[in-house]
Protein backbone atom coordinates (compact mmCIF):
# COMPACT_ATOMS: atom_id res chain seq x y z
CA MET A 1 -4.62 -12.88 20.60
CA SER A 2 -0.81 -12.85 20.83
CA TYR A 3 2.20 -12.53 19.03
CA ASN A 4 5.57 -14.22 19.69
CA LYS A 5 8.37 -12.73 17.27
CA ARG A 6 9.86 -16.46 17.31
CA LYS A 7 6.52 -18.53 16.39
CA GLY A 8 4.11 -15.80 14.99
CA PHE A 9 0.91 -14.21 15.55
CA ARG A 10 -1.46 -16.68 17.11
CA ALA A 11 -5.15 -15.50 16.82
CA GLU A 12 -7.85 -18.48 17.30
CA GLU A 13 -6.52 -21.35 15.14
CA LEU A 14 -4.47 -19.20 12.89
CA LEU A 15 -0.62 -18.72 12.94
CA VAL A 16 0.32 -15.99 11.32
CA LYS A 17 3.73 -14.80 10.28
CA ILE A 18 4.65 -11.29 9.79
CA THR A 19 7.64 -10.48 7.40
CA SER A 20 9.35 -6.87 6.55
CA HIS A 21 10.85 -6.94 3.03
CA THR A 22 13.05 -4.42 1.61
CA HIS A 23 12.61 -5.90 -1.93
CA VAL A 24 9.66 -7.42 -3.88
CA ASP A 25 10.53 -10.49 -5.81
CA GLU A 26 8.46 -12.28 -8.50
CA GLN A 27 7.09 -14.68 -6.06
CA LEU A 28 5.69 -11.74 -3.57
CA ALA A 29 4.47 -9.76 -6.18
CA LYS A 30 2.16 -12.52 -7.32
CA GLU A 31 1.02 -13.10 -3.91
CA ILE A 32 -0.16 -9.37 -3.55
CA ARG A 33 -1.74 -9.10 -7.25
CA ARG A 34 -3.68 -12.20 -5.95
CA LEU A 35 -5.09 -10.71 -2.64
CA GLU A 36 -5.65 -7.58 -4.51
CA ASN A 37 -7.78 -9.32 -7.35
CA ASN A 38 -9.61 -11.06 -4.21
CA ILE A 39 -10.28 -7.53 -2.80
CA LYS A 40 -11.16 -6.39 -6.14
CA GLU A 41 -14.11 -8.51 -6.63
CA TYR A 42 -15.22 -8.43 -2.90
CA ASP A 43 -15.14 -4.31 -2.81
CA GLY A 44 -15.54 -3.42 -6.40
CA ILE A 45 -12.40 -1.29 -6.43
CA ASN A 46 -9.54 -0.97 -9.08
CA ASN A 47 -7.10 0.55 -7.49
CA GLU A 48 -3.33 -1.43 -7.29
CA MET A 49 -0.61 -1.20 -4.76
CA TYR A 50 2.67 0.17 -5.94
CA ILE A 51 4.92 -2.41 -5.56
CA ALA A 52 8.16 -1.29 -7.45
CA ASP A 53 11.55 -1.11 -5.29
CA ASN A 54 13.49 1.65 -6.92
CA LEU A 55 11.89 4.72 -5.91
CA ASN A 56 12.46 4.79 -1.87
CA PHE A 57 15.10 7.48 -0.66
CA ASP A 58 17.19 4.71 0.83
CA ALA A 59 16.97 1.34 -0.27
CA SER A 60 17.80 -0.65 2.82
CA LEU A 61 14.62 0.33 4.27
CA PRO A 62 12.09 -2.24 5.15
CA TRP A 63 8.71 -0.94 2.96
CA VAL A 64 6.67 -3.87 2.41
CA PHE A 65 5.07 -5.53 5.36
CA THR A 66 3.30 -9.19 5.04
CA MET A 67 1.33 -11.00 6.89
CA HIS A 68 0.84 -14.83 5.88
CA ASN A 69 -1.60 -17.64 7.36
CA GLY A 70 0.66 -20.56 6.33
CA GLU A 71 1.28 -20.52 2.71
CA GLU A 72 -1.74 -17.45 2.22
CA LEU A 73 -0.92 -13.60 2.20
CA ILE A 74 -3.68 -12.32 4.09
CA SER A 75 -2.53 -8.69 4.91
CA VAL A 76 0.28 -6.41 3.21
CA VAL A 77 1.01 -2.71 3.89
CA THR A 78 3.27 -0.70 1.79
CA ALA A 79 5.52 2.33 2.34
CA PHE A 80 6.26 4.50 -0.42
CA ILE A 81 9.06 6.68 1.07
CA PRO A 82 10.62 8.87 -1.79
CA SER A 83 12.10 11.11 0.88
CA LYS A 84 12.89 11.90 4.19
CA LYS A 85 9.94 14.28 4.09
CA GLU A 86 6.97 11.75 4.13
CA ILE A 87 5.72 8.19 3.89
CA GLU A 88 2.79 7.06 2.05
CA LEU A 89 1.02 3.89 3.73
CA MET A 90 -1.28 1.70 2.00
CA GLY A 91 -2.37 -1.61 3.18
CA ILE A 92 -5.01 -4.48 2.26
CA THR A 93 -6.23 -7.08 4.31
CA HIS A 94 -8.31 -10.23 2.94
CA PRO A 95 -11.91 -9.63 3.33
CA GLY A 96 -12.07 -13.01 5.18
CA HIS A 97 -9.65 -11.71 7.94
CA ARG A 98 -10.83 -8.06 8.55
CA ARG A 99 -11.58 -6.66 12.09
CA ASN A 100 -8.83 -8.83 13.66
CA GLY A 101 -6.33 -6.13 13.77
CA TYR A 102 -4.01 -7.26 11.25
CA PHE A 103 -3.78 -3.73 9.42
CA SER A 104 -3.02 -2.34 13.10
CA ILE A 105 -0.20 -4.72 13.78
CA LEU A 106 1.82 -4.08 10.25
CA GLU A 107 0.73 -0.35 10.46
CA LYS A 108 3.15 -0.45 13.58
CA GLN A 109 5.95 -1.82 11.32
CA VAL A 110 6.04 1.18 9.53
CA TYR A 111 5.82 3.32 12.78
CA GLU A 112 9.17 2.08 13.44
CA THR A 113 10.48 3.06 10.13
CA TRP A 114 8.69 6.55 10.51
CA ASP A 115 10.31 7.06 14.41
CA LYS A 116 13.72 5.69 13.62
CA HIS A 117 14.40 7.82 10.48
CA ASN A 118 12.69 11.17 11.71
CA ILE A 119 10.29 11.17 8.91
CA PRO A 120 7.96 14.11 9.76
CA SER A 121 4.81 13.10 7.64
CA LEU A 122 2.92 9.83 7.54
CA LEU A 123 0.16 9.87 4.66
CA TYR A 124 -2.64 6.92 4.34
CA VAL A 125 -3.11 6.67 0.65
CA LEU A 126 -6.89 5.46 0.53
CA ASN A 127 -9.41 4.31 -2.29
CA GLU A 128 -12.21 6.43 -2.36
CA ASP A 129 -14.82 3.56 -2.76
CA SER A 130 -12.95 1.75 0.05
CA HIS A 131 -15.77 1.30 3.24
CA SER A 132 -13.00 -0.22 4.99
CA GLY A 133 -9.93 2.08 4.58
CA LYS A 134 -12.25 5.21 5.47
CA ALA A 135 -13.26 3.55 8.74
CA VAL A 136 -9.51 2.82 9.34
CA ALA A 137 -8.91 6.63 8.70
CA ALA A 138 -11.69 7.82 10.73
CA LYS A 139 -10.49 5.29 13.66
CA ARG A 140 -6.97 7.17 13.52
CA GLU A 141 -8.60 10.79 13.16
CA ALA A 142 -6.89 10.99 9.87
CA VAL A 143 -7.64 14.43 8.14
CA TYR A 144 -8.08 14.67 4.61
CA GLN A 145 -5.48 16.53 2.66
CA TYR A 146 -5.65 15.94 -0.93
CA THR A 147 -6.70 14.00 -3.65
CA GLU A 148 -4.36 12.77 -6.41
CA PHE A 149 -6.07 13.07 -10.03
CA GLN A 150 -5.54 10.72 -12.86
CA MET A 151 -5.88 12.52 -16.29
CA GLU A 152 -5.97 10.20 -19.66
CA TYR A 153 -6.44 10.90 -23.29
CA THR A 154 -6.94 8.87 -26.32
CA ALA A 155 -5.04 9.07 -29.63
CA ASP A 156 -8.52 9.24 -31.24
CA ASP A 157 -8.73 12.80 -29.40
CA LEU A 158 -5.95 13.89 -30.92
CA GLU A 159 -6.77 12.80 -34.40
CA LYS A 160 -10.66 14.04 -34.07
CA GLY A 161 -8.88 17.57 -32.95
CA THR A 162 -11.12 17.50 -29.84
CA CYS A 163 -8.42 18.15 -27.21
CA ASN A 164 -5.87 21.30 -27.20
CA LEU A 165 -3.23 18.81 -25.69
CA GLU A 166 0.08 18.94 -27.56
CA ILE A 167 2.98 16.72 -26.75
CA LEU A 168 6.38 17.91 -26.37
CA ARG A 169 9.52 16.21 -26.11
CA ALA A 170 11.20 16.89 -22.61
CA GLY A 171 14.60 18.51 -22.58
CA GLU A 172 17.39 18.62 -20.14
CA ASN A 173 15.82 21.61 -18.21
CA ASP A 174 12.65 19.76 -17.82
């Protein structure tokens, strides 16, 4: 395998193009969602990448790194960078293109941002059901820190009086 910055990445008969983005337009969002749907079906997971570009501390930082084989998006890594303290990295690769090092190549693009801006912490965001994600984390000797939980309620719970939840309007100090 070889990578020529001008021509792209050549592996077997693939000609792969790597691009960094500071903004996700409608076309790229559709491509990412299409790749996610393919992975959801293959891996049986439901998570989605966060691709809104309005939450990073510096809008000029590249935070989405893509790899295309021709017109097909085959791998994407996103970096959520809400402050100068931490980067949250999440990546997906088409099941038919895994184990070729594509995630690692895109991950290096995030490392450049990490180093250039002296951000002290890199956090890998994993789906707990992702076997390939767990394999990448193990290979990187990443250490489990914490899990974010999602809580939800339905209006039925409130109407039935089966929960002790009270909804309050947030004030200026909240």
